[in-house]
Amino acid sequence: MLELDGSLDLEHFTLKVKLEIKRNETVCLLGPNGSGKSTILKLIGGLKKLTSGNLRINTNTIDSGQTFVHPRFRNVGWVPQNQMLFDHLTVKQNIEFSPNSSKKEVSELIELFDLQHIQNKKAGNCSGGESQRVAISRAIASKPQVLLLDEPSTALDEESKQIIYQYLKIQKGVATLLVTHDPVEAASLSQRLIILEKGEITQVGTPDEIKTSPATPYSASLVGLNFVPALADGLVAVTDKGVELILSESIQGQVNIVIPPKSIALYKEKPVGSPRNVLMAKILEIHHLGENVRINLDGQLNFIAEITNNAFEVLDLHKGDEVWAAFKATELITTHT
């Protein structure tokens, strides 16, 4: 349904993107601030032109060196972060604004997004959650082939989030590209994740694939994992800081090592016993998360450990304490770069 293979010269870097989204598929685009996520939406929506390459919707070229289709003729529904509703019109008038809308579909969308009680209310008087539901309804009513959502649940109440999430899970006939900073939202709503960093796609995969084998430190941070690049020689890998890590299987060359936070045990005294990786570290931050505690550590490596509340209380840990962090070689996930 949507194919983008092109580049755009920006002030600080060149955006180079190759992606494809199928009909009935929801794909989430994640990346640090300034990585180019919103720019991709503007390219697809027609607010920016490619420097080179091609953009196609349903096999029709809409942006290339020879062709540029005006935004109004692209059949793209776009919901930006500021919603851009017509404040002087009612909720219903906003939703039925597109000439492609039908009375039947507008009525169904008003019911689907729970807007019956405010359909005659001026859009300018709606709450943030109501406005977002109206904006998405209006985009859907235009019968788009591609739906673009830029941070659709930011600062929304839980009820509005669940209504929007429910629609995204049942929508048909549309290719949906969702920009979000929330990895939980991305994993729960999408079939695939696209990771964008400094204008380039660094990883594409299902939520499980990215959780199992993150390709960059940013990907690892999304799923709460520790990521360590290193040079492996057999059963030992050396990081760029010269830290040696013991591996469970022999491997050669540049590798990425993922250390699950829950695999790290903390000690006040240096542990002895079975072979394991043991590093000294200082506690930078402590975060209580339900039954567990996540602890940011700084030392030979910067990483996060996650231990139980019981272990935390027994160890009597505090910010600034020095501890020993230990993890078995068998707990590491090692892949070639």
Protein backbone atom coordinates (compact mmCIF):
# COMPACT_ATOMS: atom_id res chain seq x y z
CA MET A 1 0.00 0.00 0.00
CA LEU A 2 2.75 2.48 1.00
CA GLU A 3 6.32 2.35 -0.34
CA LEU A 4 8.96 4.97 0.43
CA ASP A 5 12.50 4.65 -0.89
CA GLY A 6 14.21 8.02 -0.96
CA SER A 7 16.12 10.77 0.77
CA LEU A 8 15.66 14.35 1.92
CA ASP A 9 18.50 16.75 2.70
CA LEU A 10 17.96 18.38 6.10
CA GLU A 11 20.00 20.97 7.98
CA HIS A 12 21.94 18.56 10.21
CA PHE A 13 21.73 15.28 8.28
CA THR A 14 20.23 13.58 5.26
CA LEU A 15 17.10 11.53 5.87
CA LYS A 16 17.49 8.20 4.05
CA VAL A 17 14.50 5.90 4.34
CA LYS A 18 13.29 2.69 2.77
CA LEU A 19 10.05 1.34 4.20
CA GLU A 20 6.92 -0.48 3.15
CA ILE A 21 3.56 -0.78 4.90
CA LYS A 22 0.89 -3.19 3.72
CA ARG A 23 -2.88 -2.80 3.68
CA ASN A 24 -4.41 -3.63 7.10
CA GLU A 25 -0.99 -3.26 8.77
CA THR A 26 -0.13 -0.90 11.63
CA VAL A 27 3.56 -0.02 11.87
CA CYS A 28 5.09 2.08 14.64
CA LEU A 29 7.94 4.49 13.99
CA LEU A 30 10.15 5.14 17.00
CA GLY A 31 13.30 7.17 17.46
CA PRO A 32 15.01 9.83 19.59
CA ASN A 33 13.94 13.46 19.30
CA GLY A 34 15.26 15.00 16.10
CA SER A 35 15.71 11.69 14.31
CA GLY A 36 13.32 12.60 11.47
CA LYS A 37 10.08 10.85 12.45
CA SER A 38 7.74 13.79 11.85
CA THR A 39 9.61 14.64 8.65
CA ILE A 40 8.71 11.20 7.26
CA LEU A 41 5.04 11.93 7.97
CA LYS A 42 5.37 15.29 6.18
CA LEU A 43 6.93 13.56 3.16
CA ILE A 44 4.09 11.07 2.96
CA GLY A 45 1.47 13.76 3.54
CA GLY A 46 2.96 16.03 0.87
CA LEU A 47 4.23 18.87 3.06
CA LYS A 48 7.82 18.15 2.01
CA LYS A 49 9.35 16.92 -1.25
CA LEU A 50 11.94 14.17 -1.64
CA THR A 51 15.42 15.22 -2.69
CA SER A 52 15.74 11.89 -4.48
CA GLY A 53 13.91 8.57 -4.71
CA ASN A 54 10.27 7.56 -4.94
CA LEU A 55 7.12 7.52 -2.83
CA ARG A 56 4.21 5.32 -3.90
CA ILE A 57 0.73 4.74 -2.54
CA ASN A 58 -1.11 1.73 -3.91
CA THR A 59 1.54 1.46 -6.69
CA ASN A 60 0.89 5.07 -7.81
CA THR A 61 3.95 7.33 -7.72
CA ILE A 62 3.13 10.51 -5.81
CA ASP A 63 6.63 11.94 -5.30
CA SER A 64 9.74 11.52 -7.47
CA GLY A 65 12.07 13.61 -9.58
CA GLN A 66 9.38 13.92 -12.25
CA THR A 67 6.17 13.70 -10.21
CA PHE A 68 4.70 15.47 -7.20
CA VAL A 69 1.06 14.95 -6.24
CA HIS A 70 -0.56 17.73 -4.20
CA PRO A 71 -1.49 16.69 -0.62
CA ARG A 72 -5.24 16.94 -1.24
CA PHE A 73 -5.02 14.30 -3.98
CA ARG A 74 -2.92 11.76 -2.06
CA ASN A 75 -5.69 9.95 -0.19
CA VAL A 76 -3.74 10.25 3.06
CA GLY A 77 -5.36 10.83 6.44
CA TRP A 78 -3.01 12.70 8.77
CA VAL A 79 -3.52 13.49 12.46
CA PRO A 80 -0.72 15.81 13.66
CA GLN A 81 0.05 16.37 17.32
CA ASN A 82 -1.91 19.64 17.45
CA GLN A 83 -5.01 17.99 15.83
CA MET A 84 -5.79 21.12 13.73
CA LEU A 85 -9.57 20.95 14.16
CA PHE A 86 -11.94 23.61 12.83
CA ASP A 87 -12.78 25.17 16.18
CA HIS A 88 -15.82 27.11 14.88
CA LEU A 89 -17.46 23.91 13.58
CA THR A 90 -19.19 21.26 15.66
CA VAL A 91 -17.70 17.84 16.31
CA LYS A 92 -20.02 16.30 13.72
CA GLN A 93 -19.23 19.00 11.14
CA ASN A 94 -15.53 18.37 11.60
CA ILE A 95 -15.90 14.63 11.04
CA GLU A 96 -18.07 15.05 7.92
CA PHE A 97 -15.86 17.82 6.47
CA SER A 98 -14.23 15.64 3.80
CA PRO A 99 -16.19 15.32 0.53
CA ASN A 100 -15.37 11.60 0.71
CA SER A 101 -17.31 11.14 3.93
CA SER A 102 -20.78 9.62 4.05
CA LYS A 103 -23.59 10.20 6.56
CA LYS A 104 -23.63 6.51 7.45
CA GLU A 105 -19.88 6.34 8.13
CA VAL A 106 -19.88 9.62 10.07
CA SER A 107 -22.64 8.25 12.30
CA GLU A 108 -20.71 5.00 12.82
CA LEU A 109 -17.50 6.87 13.69
CA ILE A 110 -19.30 9.11 16.18
CA GLU A 111 -20.55 5.97 17.91
CA LEU A 112 -17.25 4.09 17.61
CA PHE A 113 -15.27 6.93 19.19
CA ASP A 114 -17.96 7.64 21.82
CA LEU A 115 -18.73 11.15 20.61
CA GLN A 116 -22.54 11.00 20.57
CA HIS A 117 -22.94 13.25 23.60
CA ILE A 118 -20.73 16.01 22.16
CA GLN A 119 -21.45 15.78 18.43
CA ASN A 120 -23.15 19.22 18.44
CA LYS A 121 -20.46 20.80 20.62
CA LYS A 122 -18.03 23.29 19.02
CA ALA A 123 -14.68 21.59 18.50
CA GLY A 124 -12.90 24.53 20.14
CA ASN A 125 -14.62 23.67 23.41
CA CYS A 126 -13.56 20.00 23.46
CA SER A 127 -11.08 18.50 25.92
CA GLY A 128 -7.74 17.12 24.73
CA GLY A 129 -9.01 13.54 24.65
CA GLU A 130 -12.20 14.52 22.84
CA SER A 131 -10.27 16.58 20.30
CA GLN A 132 -7.95 13.70 19.51
CA ARG A 133 -10.87 11.32 18.97
CA VAL A 134 -12.53 13.89 16.69
CA ALA A 135 -9.31 14.39 14.70
CA ILE A 136 -8.84 10.66 14.14
CA SER A 137 -12.52 10.24 13.23
CA ARG A 138 -12.24 13.06 10.68
CA ALA A 139 -9.15 11.47 9.12
CA ILE A 140 -10.86 8.07 8.86
CA ALA A 141 -14.05 9.60 7.41
CA SER A 142 -12.04 10.85 4.43
CA LYS A 143 -11.56 7.16 3.45
CA PRO A 144 -7.75 7.27 3.29
CA GLN A 145 -5.57 4.50 1.95
CA VAL A 146 -2.83 5.61 4.37
CA LEU A 147 -3.40 6.86 7.93
CA LEU A 148 -0.65 8.86 9.66
CA LEU A 149 -0.80 9.36 13.43
CA ASP A 150 1.74 11.58 15.20
CA GLU A 151 1.85 10.78 18.94
CA PRO A 152 -1.91 10.07 19.05
CA SER A 153 -2.13 9.31 22.78
CA THR A 154 0.12 12.01 24.24
CA ALA A 155 -1.44 13.49 27.39
CA LEU A 156 -4.74 11.65 26.79
CA ASP A 157 -7.00 10.30 29.50
CA GLU A 158 -7.12 6.51 29.80
CA GLU A 159 -10.62 6.23 28.33
CA SER A 160 -9.62 8.08 25.15
CA LYS A 161 -6.47 5.98 24.82
CA GLN A 162 -8.42 2.75 25.01
CA ILE A 163 -10.97 3.93 22.42
CA ILE A 164 -8.19 4.88 19.99
CA TYR A 165 -6.28 1.65 20.66
CA GLN A 166 -9.40 -0.42 20.03
CA TYR A 167 -9.92 1.19 16.65
CA LEU A 168 -6.31 0.64 15.57
CA LYS A 169 -6.62 -3.05 16.40
CA ILE A 170 -9.75 -3.55 14.27
CA GLN A 171 -9.17 -1.10 11.39
CA LYS A 172 -9.36 -2.60 7.89
CA GLY A 173 -8.31 -1.51 4.43
CA VAL A 174 -5.78 1.08 5.61
CA ALA A 175 -2.00 1.17 5.97
CA THR A 176 -1.32 2.92 9.30
CA LEU A 177 1.96 4.56 10.31
CA LEU A 178 2.06 5.56 13.97
CA VAL A 179 4.78 7.77 15.47
CA THR A 180 5.22 7.32 19.21
CA HIS A 181 7.79 7.61 22.00
CA ASP A 182 6.05 4.95 24.07
CA PRO A 183 7.52 1.44 23.53
CA VAL A 184 4.61 -0.20 25.37
CA GLU A 185 2.12 1.53 23.07
CA ALA A 186 4.19 0.56 20.03
CA ALA A 187 4.47 -3.10 21.04
CA SER A 188 0.77 -3.44 21.84
CA LEU A 189 -0.56 -1.75 18.69
CA SER A 190 1.75 -2.71 15.84
CA GLN A 191 2.80 -5.72 13.85
CA ARG A 192 6.22 -4.21 13.17
CA LEU A 193 8.46 -1.52 14.65
CA ILE A 194 10.73 0.76 12.64
CA ILE A 195 13.59 2.35 14.57
CA LEU A 196 14.86 5.65 13.13
CA GLU A 197 18.07 7.27 14.38
CA LYS A 198 19.71 10.38 12.89
CA GLY A 199 17.73 10.05 9.71
CA GLU A 200 18.42 6.37 9.04
CA ILE A 201 16.48 3.22 9.81
CA THR A 202 18.62 1.17 12.17
CA GLN A 203 16.25 -1.74 12.77
CA VAL A 204 12.96 -3.18 11.55
CA GLY A 205 11.21 -6.10 13.19
CA THR A 206 8.38 -7.38 15.33
CA PRO A 207 8.32 -6.23 18.97
CA ASP A 208 9.60 -9.68 20.01
CA GLU A 209 12.46 -9.59 17.49
CA ILE A 210 13.63 -6.19 18.70
CA LYS A 211 13.33 -7.23 22.33
CA THR A 212 15.36 -10.38 21.69
CA SER A 213 18.04 -8.83 19.47
CA PRO A 214 18.19 -5.02 19.66
CA ALA A 215 20.57 -3.59 17.05
CA THR A 216 21.57 -0.37 18.81
CA PRO A 217 21.71 1.07 22.33
CA TYR A 218 18.54 3.04 21.59
CA SER A 219 16.66 -0.12 20.53
CA ALA A 220 17.83 -1.83 23.71
CA SER A 221 16.71 1.10 25.84
CA LEU A 222 13.20 0.86 24.39
CA VAL A 223 12.77 -2.62 25.79
CA GLY A 224 14.65 -1.94 29.01
CA LEU A 225 17.79 -3.92 28.15
CA ASN A 226 21.49 -3.19 28.57
CA PHE A 227 23.42 -3.04 25.29
CA VAL A 228 27.21 -3.40 25.06
CA PRO A 229 29.23 -3.40 21.79
CA ALA A 230 32.44 -5.42 22.09
CA LEU A 231 35.15 -7.31 20.22
CA ALA A 232 34.92 -11.05 20.85
CA ASP A 233 37.75 -13.55 20.73
CA GLY A 234 36.49 -16.97 21.74
CA LEU A 235 34.87 -16.94 25.18
CA VAL A 236 35.97 -13.39 26.02
CA ALA A 237 34.67 -10.08 24.64
CA VAL A 238 36.35 -6.74 25.29
CA THR A 239 34.36 -3.48 25.31
CA ASP A 240 35.67 -0.16 23.99
CA LYS A 241 36.51 0.75 27.61
CA GLY A 242 38.64 -2.37 27.96
CA VAL A 243 36.19 -4.30 30.14
CA GLU A 244 36.38 -8.07 29.63
CA LEU A 245 33.14 -10.05 29.62
CA ILE A 246 32.95 -13.84 29.79
CA LEU A 247 30.72 -15.45 27.15
CA SER A 248 29.02 -18.83 27.27
CA GLU A 249 29.79 -19.72 23.63
CA SER A 250 32.85 -19.05 21.50
CA ILE A 251 32.45 -16.26 18.95
CA GLN A 252 34.79 -14.08 16.89
CA GLY A 253 34.60 -10.46 15.77
CA GLN A 254 32.49 -7.41 16.55
CA VAL A 255 29.43 -8.32 18.60
CA ASN A 256 26.52 -6.74 20.41
CA ILE A 257 25.97 -8.07 23.93
CA VAL A 258 22.58 -7.66 25.56
CA ILE A 259 22.39 -7.97 29.34
CA PRO A 260 18.83 -8.33 30.74
CA PRO A 261 18.54 -6.17 33.91
CA LYS A 262 16.86 -9.02 35.81
CA SER A 263 19.89 -11.25 35.21
CA ILE A 264 22.12 -8.92 37.27
CA ALA A 265 22.56 -9.66 40.96
CA LEU A 266 23.94 -7.04 43.36
CA TYR A 267 26.25 -7.62 46.34
CA LYS A 268 27.85 -5.48 49.04
CA GLU A 269 30.93 -7.73 49.00
CA LYS A 270 32.64 -9.21 45.95
CA PRO A 271 31.00 -12.60 45.28
CA VAL A 272 33.01 -15.78 44.79
CA GLY A 273 32.04 -19.15 43.41
CA SER A 274 30.95 -20.26 39.96
CA PRO A 275 32.47 -18.40 36.97
CA ARG A 276 30.59 -15.21 36.27
CA ASN A 277 31.04 -11.60 35.23
CA VAL A 278 31.65 -9.42 38.27
CA LEU A 279 31.96 -5.63 38.01
CA MET A 280 32.20 -2.88 40.60
CA ALA A 281 29.70 -0.03 40.15
CA LYS A 282 28.21 2.99 41.87
CA ILE A 283 24.46 3.50 42.29
CA LEU A 284 23.29 6.58 40.36
CA GLU A 285 19.50 6.28 40.57
CA ILE A 286 16.92 4.05 42.26
CA HIS A 287 13.42 3.56 40.82
CA HIS A 288 10.71 1.54 42.57
CA LEU A 289 8.49 -0.35 40.09
CA GLY A 290 5.83 -2.38 41.86
CA GLU A 291 7.45 -5.54 43.22
CA ASN A 292 10.84 -4.73 41.71
CA VAL A 293 13.47 -2.00 41.90
CA ARG A 294 15.45 -0.74 38.89
CA ILE A 295 18.89 0.60 39.74
CA ASN A 296 21.04 2.73 37.41
CA LEU A 297 24.69 1.82 37.83
CA ASP A 298 27.87 3.57 36.72
CA GLY A 299 31.35 2.10 36.73
CA GLN A 300 33.28 -0.07 34.31
CA LEU A 301 29.98 -0.18 32.38
CA ASN A 302 26.88 1.98 32.55
CA PHE A 303 23.90 -0.34 32.97
CA ILE A 304 20.65 -1.06 34.76
CA ALA A 305 19.95 -3.85 37.24
CA GLU A 306 16.50 -4.94 38.34
CA ILE A 307 16.13 -6.73 41.67
CA THR A 308 13.22 -7.61 43.93
CA ASN A 309 12.03 -5.33 46.72
CA ASN A 310 13.05 -8.00 49.22
CA ALA A 311 16.63 -8.11 47.89
CA PHE A 312 16.76 -4.31 47.89
CA GLU A 313 15.71 -4.13 51.54
CA VAL A 314 18.11 -6.89 52.63
CA LEU A 315 21.03 -5.15 50.90
CA ASP A 316 19.95 -1.77 52.34
CA LEU A 317 20.98 0.08 49.18
CA HIS A 318 21.17 3.85 48.77
CA LYS A 319 22.07 6.30 46.03
CA GLY A 320 25.85 6.70 45.92
CA ASP A 321 26.61 3.24 47.35
CA GLU A 322 29.29 1.12 45.69
CA VAL A 323 28.23 -2.43 44.89
CA TRP A 324 29.34 -5.49 43.00
CA ALA A 325 27.21 -6.46 40.02
CA ALA A 326 27.35 -10.08 38.89
CA PHE A 327 25.75 -11.89 35.95
CA LYS A 328 26.33 -15.32 34.44
CA ALA A 329 27.71 -15.78 30.95
CA THR A 330 24.68 -17.92 30.08
CA GLU A 331 22.40 -14.92 30.68
CA LEU A 332 24.01 -12.82 27.96
CA ILE A 333 22.56 -12.53 24.46
CA THR A 334 25.37 -12.15 21.93
CA THR A 335 24.97 -11.41 18.22
CA HIS A 336 27.34 -10.40 15.41
CA THR A 337 27.12 -6.79 14.23
